[in-house]
PDB file of N, CA and C in Angstrom:
ATOM      1  N   MET A   1      62.971  91.938 182.994  1.00  0.00           N
ATOM      2  CA  MET A   1      63.284  92.886 183.246  1.00  0.00           C
ATOM      3  C   MET A   1      64.028  93.614 182.362  1.00  0.00           C
ATOM      4  N   SER A   2      63.522  93.262 181.095  1.00  0.00           N
ATOM      5  CA  SER A   2      63.409  94.011 179.993  1.00  0.00           C
ATOM      6  C   SER A   2      63.252  95.246 180.389  1.00  0.00           C
ATOM      7  N   GLY A   3      62.552  95.939 180.595  1.00  0.00           N
ATOM      8  CA  GLY A   3      61.798  97.088 180.615  1.00  0.00           C
ATOM      9  C   GLY A   3      62.480  98.092 181.028  1.00  0.00           C
ATOM     10  N   LEU A   4      63.263  97.505 182.381  1.00  0.00           N
ATOM     11  CA  LEU A   4      63.938  98.194 183.347  1.00  0.00           C
ATOM     12  C   LEU A   4      65.772  98.836 182.436  1.00  0.00           C
ATOM     13  N   GLY A   5      66.098  97.966 182.266  1.00  0.00           N
ATOM     14  CA  GLY A   5      67.040  97.724 180.644  1.00  0.00           C
ATOM     15  C   GLY A   5      66.748  98.997 179.444  1.00  0.00           C
ATOM     16  N   ASP A   6      66.089  98.484 178.976  1.00  0.00           N
ATOM     17  CA  ASP A   6      65.125  99.105 178.162  1.00  0.00           C
ATOM     18  C   ASP A   6      64.899 101.365 178.882  1.00  0.00           C
ATOM     19  N   ALA A   7      64.306 101.224 179.958  1.00  0.00           N
ATOM     20  CA  ALA A   7      64.341 102.463 179.933  1.00  0.00           C
ATOM     21  C   ALA A   7      65.746 102.935 180.855  1.00  0.00           C
ATOM     22  N   PHE A   8      66.973 102.295 180.891  1.00  0.00           N
ATOM     23  CA  PHE A   8      68.181 102.555 181.272  1.00  0.00           C
ATOM     24  C   PHE A   8      68.711 103.171 179.782  1.00  0.00           C
ATOM     25  N   ASN A   9      68.608 102.522 178.715  1.00  0.00           N
ATOM     26  CA  ASN A   9      69.498 102.278 178.008  1.00  0.00           C
ATOM     27  C   ASN A   9      68.899 104.027 177.382  1.00  0.00           C
ATOM     28  N   LYS A  10      67.394 104.348 177.147  1.00  0.00           N
ATOM     29  CA  LYS A  10      67.076 105.501 176.729  1.00  0.00           C
ATOM     30  C   LYS A  10      67.336 106.594 177.350  1.00  0.00           C
ATOM     31  N   VAL A  11      67.641 107.041 178.797  1.00  0.00           N
ATOM     32  CA  VAL A  11      67.735 108.279 180.317  1.00  0.00           C
ATOM     33  C   VAL A  11      69.527 107.620 179.310  1.00  0.00           C
ATOM     34  N   LYS A  12      70.623 106.661 178.675  1.00  0.00           N
ATOM     35  CA  LYS A  12      71.186 106.695 178.921  1.00  0.00           C
ATOM     36  C   LYS A  12      71.753 107.750 177.289  1.00  0.00           C
ATOM     37  N   ARG A  13      71.196 107.506 176.620  1.00  0.00           N
ATOM     38  CA  ARG A  13      70.963 108.119 175.101  1.00  0.00           C
ATOM     39  C   ARG A  13      70.798 109.242 175.477  1.00  0.00           C
ATOM     40  N   THR A  14      69.339 109.608 176.230  1.00  0.00           N
ATOM     41  CA  THR A  14      69.023 111.535 176.244  1.00  0.00           C
ATOM     42  C   THR A  14      70.421 112.018 176.908  1.00  0.00           C
ATOM     43  N   ALA A  15      71.453 111.252 177.834  1.00  0.00           N
ATOM     44  CA  ALA A  15      72.440 112.265 178.767  1.00  0.00           C
ATOM     45  C   ALA A  15      73.867 111.612 177.586  1.00  0.00           C
ATOM     46  N   GLU A  16      73.572 111.019 177.473  1.00  0.00           N
ATOM     47  CA  GLU A  16      74.874 111.109 175.655  1.00  0.00           C
ATOM     48  C   GLU A  16      74.097 112.808 175.179  1.00  0.00           C
ATOM     49  N   LYS A  17      73.103 112.517 174.376  1.00  0.00           N
ATOM     50  CA  LYS A  17      72.811 113.522 173.662  1.00  0.00           C
ATOM     51  C   LYS A  17      72.317 114.388 174.157  1.00  0.00           C
ATOM     52  N   ASN A  18      72.814 115.686 175.792  1.00  0.00           N
ATOM     53  CA  ASN A  18      72.863 116.417 176.291  1.00  0.00           C
ATOM     54  C   ASN A  18      73.797 117.184 177.948  1.00  0.00           C
ATOM     55  N   SER A  19      74.689 115.695 178.155  1.00  0.00           N
ATOM     56  CA  SER A  19      75.167 115.906 178.056  1.00  0.00           C
ATOM     57  C   SER A  19      76.228 117.581 179.140  1.00  0.00           C
ATOM     58  N   GLU A  20      76.548 118.004 178.278  1.00  0.00           N
ATOM     59  CA  GLU A  20      76.427 119.179 178.808  1.00  0.00           C
ATOM     60  C   GLU A  20      75.839 119.720 179.717  1.00  0.00           C
ATOM     61  N   LYS A  21      74.437 120.333 178.856  1.00  0.00           N
ATOM     62  CA  LYS A  21      73.144 120.515 180.354  1.00  0.00           C
ATOM     63  C   LYS A  21      73.175 120.307 181.724  1.00  0.00           C
ATOM     64  N   ILE A  22      73.568 118.135 181.416  1.00  0.00           N
ATOM     65  CA  ILE A  22      73.050 117.847 183.070  1.00  0.00           C
ATOM     66  C   ILE A  22      74.903 118.179 183.690  1.00  0.00           C
ATOM     67  N   ALA A  23      75.169 118.254 183.380  1.00  0.00           N
ATOM     68  CA  ALA A  23      76.463 119.056 184.094  1.00  0.00           C
ATOM     69  C   ALA A  23      76.542 119.898 184.770  1.00  0.00           C
ATOM     70  N   GLU A  24      75.710 120.679 184.018  1.00  0.00           N
ATOM     71  CA  GLU A  24      75.496 122.048 184.112  1.00  0.00           C
ATOM     72  C   GLU A  24      74.825 122.099 185.469  1.00  0.00           C
ATOM     73  N   GLN A  25      73.175 121.463 185.342  1.00  0.00           N
ATOM     74  CA  GLN A  25      72.605 121.260 186.271  1.00  0.00           C
ATOM     75  C   GLN A  25      72.754 119.906 188.103  1.00  0.00           C
ATOM     76  N   VAL A  26      74.397 118.621 186.946  1.00  0.00           N
ATOM     77  CA  VAL A  26      74.457 118.786 188.224  1.00  0.00           C
ATOM     78  C   VAL A  26      75.697 119.524 189.812  1.00  0.00           C
ATOM     79  N   GLU A  27      76.117 120.325 188.697  1.00  0.00           N
ATOM     80  CA  GLU A  27      76.908 121.359 190.242  1.00  0.00           C
ATOM     81  C   GLU A  27      75.508 122.107 190.746  1.00  0.00           C
ATOM     82  N   LYS A  28      74.769 122.695 190.112  1.00  0.00           N
ATOM     83  CA  LYS A  28      73.358 123.861 190.864  1.00  0.00           C
ATOM     84  C   LYS A  28      73.639 122.076 191.850  1.00  0.00           C
ATOM     85  N   VAL A  29      73.124 121.131 191.994  1.00  0.00           N
ATOM     86  CA  VAL A  29      72.452 120.139 192.681  1.00  0.00           C
ATOM     87  C   VAL A  29      73.835 119.983 193.705  1.00  0.00           C
ATOM     88  N   ALA A  30      74.768 120.140 192.928  1.00  0.00           N
ATOM     89  CA  ALA A  30      75.899 119.701 194.463  1.00  0.00           C
ATOM     90  C   ALA A  30      75.513 121.071 195.475  1.00  0.00           C
ATOM     91  N   LYS A  31      76.125 122.468 195.273  1.00  0.00           N
ATOM     92  CA  LYS A  31      75.486 122.869 195.585  1.00  0.00           C
ATOM     93  C   LYS A  31      73.748 123.503 196.245  1.00  0.00           C
ATOM     94  N   THR A  32      73.030 123.148 196.282  1.00  0.00           N
ATOM     95  CA  THR A  32      72.102 123.049 197.095  1.00  0.00           C
ATOM     96  C   THR A  32      72.307 122.291 197.930  1.00  0.00           C
ATOM     97  N   ALA A  33      72.750 120.635 197.657  1.00  0.00           N
ATOM     98  CA  ALA A  33      73.040 119.677 198.589  1.00  0.00           C
ATOM     99  C   ALA A  33      74.085 120.245 199.795  1.00  0.00           C
ATOM    100  N   LYS A  34      74.667 120.865 199.129  1.00  0.00           N
ATOM    101  CA  LYS A  34      75.916 121.403 200.297  1.00  0.00           C
ATOM    102  C   LYS A  34      75.454 122.291 201.557  1.00  0.00           C
ATOM    103  N   ARG A  35      74.423 123.382 200.762  1.00  0.00           N
ATOM    104  CA  ARG A  35      73.826 124.460 201.631  1.00  0.00           C
ATOM    105  C   ARG A  35      72.446 123.619 202.521  1.00  0.00           C
ATOM    106  N   LYS A  36      72.100 122.512 202.002  1.00  0.00           N
ATOM    107  CA  LYS A  36      71.178 121.902 202.766  1.00  0.00           C
ATOM    108  C   LYS A  36      71.608 121.062 204.152  1.00  0.00           C
ATOM    109  N   THR A  37      73.217 120.488 203.928  1.00  0.00           N
ATOM    110  CA  THR A  37      72.713 119.831 205.003  1.00  0.00           C
ATOM    111  C   THR A  37      74.340 120.019 205.797  1.00  0.00           C
ATOM    112  N   GLY A  38      74.616 121.727 205.664  1.00  0.00           N
ATOM    113  CA  GLY A  38      75.583 122.526 206.556  1.00  0.00           C
ATOM    114  C   GLY A  38      76.746 122.528 205.912  1.00  0.00           C
ATOM    115  N   SER A  39      77.319 122.040 204.917  1.00  0.00           N
ATOM    116  CA  SER A  39      78.800 121.261 204.871  1.00  0.00           C
ATOM    117  C   SER A  39      78.853 120.461 205.798  1.00  0.00           C
ATOM    118  N   GLU A  40      78.067 119.986 205.897  1.00  0.00           N
ATOM    119  CA  GLU A  40      78.528 118.213 206.973  1.00  0.00           C
ATOM    120  C   GLU A  40      79.492 118.004 205.589  1.00  0.00           C
ATOM    121  N   HIS A  41      78.777 117.605 204.736  1.00  0.00           N
ATOM    122  CA  HIS A  41      79.116 115.912 203.647  1.00  0.00           C
ATOM    123  C   HIS A  41      80.030 116.189 202.134  1.00  0.00           C
ATOM    124  N   ASP A  42      80.119 118.353 202.115  1.00  0.00           N
ATOM    125  CA  ASP A  42      80.718 118.583 201.434  1.00  0.00           C
ATOM    126  C   ASP A  42      82.046 118.138 200.669  1.00  0.00           C
ATOM    127  N   ASP A  43      82.620 117.030 201.221  1.00  0.00           N
ATOM    128  CA  ASP A  43      83.579 116.253 201.224  1.00  0.00           C
ATOM    129  C   ASP A  43      83.182 115.283 199.381  1.00  0.00           C
ATOM    130  N   LYS A  44      81.726 114.586 199.737  1.00  0.00           N
ATOM    131  CA  LYS A  44      81.306 113.361 200.026  1.00  0.00           C
ATOM    132  C   LYS A  44      80.117 113.472 198.095  1.00  0.00           C
ATOM    133  N   ILE A  45      80.075 115.046 198.783  1.00  0.00           N
ATOM    134  CA  ILE A  45      79.235 115.810 197.287  1.00  0.00           C
ATOM    135  C   ILE A  45      80.138 116.408 196.622  1.00  0.00           C
ATOM    136  N   ASP A  46      81.386 116.759 197.028  1.00  0.00           N
ATOM    137  CA  ASP A  46      82.348 116.711 195.459  1.00  0.00           C
ATOM    138  C   ASP A  46      82.922 115.273 194.561  1.00  0.00           C
ATOM    139  N   LYS A  47      82.909 114.626 195.579  1.00  0.00           N
ATOM    140  CA  LYS A  47      83.556 113.233 194.624  1.00  0.00           C
ATOM    141  C   LYS A  47      82.569 113.512 193.707  1.00  0.00           C
ATOM    142  N   ALA A  48      81.604 113.071 194.667  1.00  0.00           N
ATOM    143  CA  ALA A  48      80.363 112.294 193.745  1.00  0.00           C
ATOM    144  C   ALA A  48      79.646 113.495 192.453  1.00  0.00           C
ATOM    145  N   SER A  49      79.825 114.303 192.964  1.00  0.00           N
ATOM    146  CA  SER A  49      79.465 115.560 191.569  1.00  0.00           C
ATOM    147  C   SER A  49      80.851 115.668 190.932  1.00  0.00           C
ATOM    148  N   GLY A  50      81.689 115.078 190.850  1.00  0.00           N
ATOM    149  CA  GLY A  50      83.067 115.461 189.577  1.00  0.00           C
ATOM    150  C   GLY A  50      83.158 114.681 189.256  1.00  0.00           C
ATOM    151  N   THR A  51      82.662 113.497 189.944  1.00  0.00           N
ATOM    152  CA  THR A  51      83.420 112.619 189.391  1.00  0.00           C
ATOM    153  C   THR A  51      81.817 112.300 187.598  1.00  0.00           C
ATOM    154  N   ALA A  52      80.075 112.321 188.247  1.00  0.00           N
ATOM    155  CA  ALA A  52      79.292 112.723 187.311  1.00  0.00           C
ATOM    156  C   ALA A  52      79.531 112.911 186.436  1.00  0.00           C
ATOM    157  N   THR A  53      79.598 115.072 186.816  1.00  0.00           N
ATOM    158  CA  THR A  53      80.226 115.922 186.357  1.00  0.00           C
ATOM    159  C   THR A  53      81.089 115.423 184.994  1.00  0.00           C
ATOM    160  N   GLU A  54      82.417 115.225 185.307  1.00  0.00           N
ATOM    161  CA  GLU A  54      83.889 114.774 184.817  1.00  0.00           C
ATOM    162  C   GLU A  54      83.582 113.085 183.644  1.00  0.00           C
ATOM    163  N   TYR A  55      82.226 112.531 184.028  1.00  0.00           N
ATOM    164  CA  TYR A  55      81.898 112.045 183.462  1.00  0.00           C
ATOM    165  C   TYR A  55      80.762 111.998 181.973  1.00  0.00           C
ATOM    166  N   LEU A  56      79.953 112.982 182.320  1.00  0.00           N
ATOM    167  CA  LEU A  56      78.946 113.723 181.101  1.00  0.00           C
ATOM    168  C   LEU A  56      80.118 114.918 180.308  1.00  0.00           C
ATOM    169  N   ARG A  57      81.153 115.331 180.699  1.00  0.00           N
ATOM    170  CA  ARG A  57      81.693 115.791 179.565  1.00  0.00           C
ATOM    171  C   ARG A  57      82.994 114.699 178.915  1.00  0.00           C
ATOM    172  N   LYS A  58      83.154 114.620 179.353  1.00  0.00           N
ATOM    173  CA  LYS A  58      83.839 113.304 178.428  1.00  0.00           C
ATOM    174  C   LYS A  58      82.697 112.665 177.173  1.00  0.00           C
ATOM    175  N   ARG A  59      81.698 112.215 177.680  1.00  0.00           N
ATOM    176  CA  ARG A  59      80.260 112.488 176.783  1.00  0.00           C
ATOM    177  C   ARG A  59      80.292 113.010 175.734  1.00  0.00           C
ATOM    178  N   ALA A  60      80.378 114.205 175.911  1.00  0.00           N
ATOM    179  CA  ALA A  60      80.004 115.503 175.644  1.00  0.00           C
ATOM    180  C   ALA A  60      81.101 115.355 174.105  1.00  0.00           C
ATOM    181  N   GLU A  61      82.562 115.322 174.740  1.00  0.00           N
ATOM    182  CA  GLU A  61      83.270 115.847 173.810  1.00  0.00           C
ATOM    183  C   GLU A  61      84.123 114.124 172.629  1.00  0.00           C
ATOM    184  N   LYS A  62      82.845 113.031 173.534  1.00  0.00           N
ATOM    185  CA  LYS A  62      82.479 112.051 172.253  1.00  0.00           C
ATOM    186  C   LYS A  62      81.975 111.486 170.939  1.00  0.00           C
ATOM    187  N   GLU A  63      80.412 112.480 172.080  1.00  0.00           N
ATOM    188  CA  GLU A  63      79.589 112.805 171.115  1.00  0.00           C
ATOM    189  C   GLU A  63      80.407 114.219 170.361  1.00  0.00           C
ATOM    190  N   ARG A  64      80.622 114.932 170.480  1.00  0.00           N
ATOM    191  CA  ARG A  64      81.298 116.370 169.719  1.00  0.00           C
ATOM    192  C   ARG A  64      81.765 115.283 168.520  1.00  0.00           C
ATOM    193  N   THR A  65      83.514 114.881 168.103  1.00  0.00           N
ATOM    194  CA  THR A  65      83.699 113.918 167.770  1.00  0.00           C
ATOM    195  C   THR A  65      83.206 112.851 166.773  1.00  0.00           C
ATOM    196  N   GLU A  66      82.439 112.195 167.498  1.00  0.00           N
ATOM    197  CA  GLU A  66      81.085 111.057 166.673  1.00  0.00           C
ATOM    198  C   GLU A  66      80.441 112.810 165.646  1.00  0.00           C
ATOM    199  N   ARG A  67      79.736 113.794 165.694  1.00  0.00           N
ATOM    200  CA  ARG A  67      79.187 114.209 164.821  1.00  0.00           C
ATOM    201  C   ARG A  67      80.194 114.266 163.841  1.00  0.00           C
ATOM    202  N   ASP A  68      81.579 115.686 164.357  1.00  0.00           N
ATOM    203  CA  ASP A  68      82.239 116.233 163.073  1.00  0.00           C
ATOM    204  C   ASP A  68      82.788 114.392 162.078  1.00  0.00           C
ATOM    205  N   GLU A  69      83.401 113.761 163.031  1.00  0.00           N
ATOM    206  CA  GLU A  69      83.708 112.676 161.620  1.00  0.00           C
ATOM    207  C   GLU A  69      82.862 112.526 161.132  1.00  0.00           C
ATOM    208  N   GLN A  70      81.254 112.464 161.022  1.00  0.00           N
ATOM    209  CA  GLN A  70      80.098 112.091 159.810  1.00  0.00           C
ATOM    210  C   GLN A  70      80.456 113.367 158.550  1.00  0.00           C
TER     211      GLN A  70
END
């Protein structure tokens, strides 16, 4: 199971370093998902993408703060 844990940690570090770019992609994916589902699940897509984007933006702010402190 350590292989899965290592992979998760690597993805987490990558997301922390590139969170703004990933947040932009989340928004694009959400728009595509809405179009593909015919707006049937917009509320769920908005909730999921909003939560992911907020998390990523907080990570980006934390990363900037840590860089400024160094």
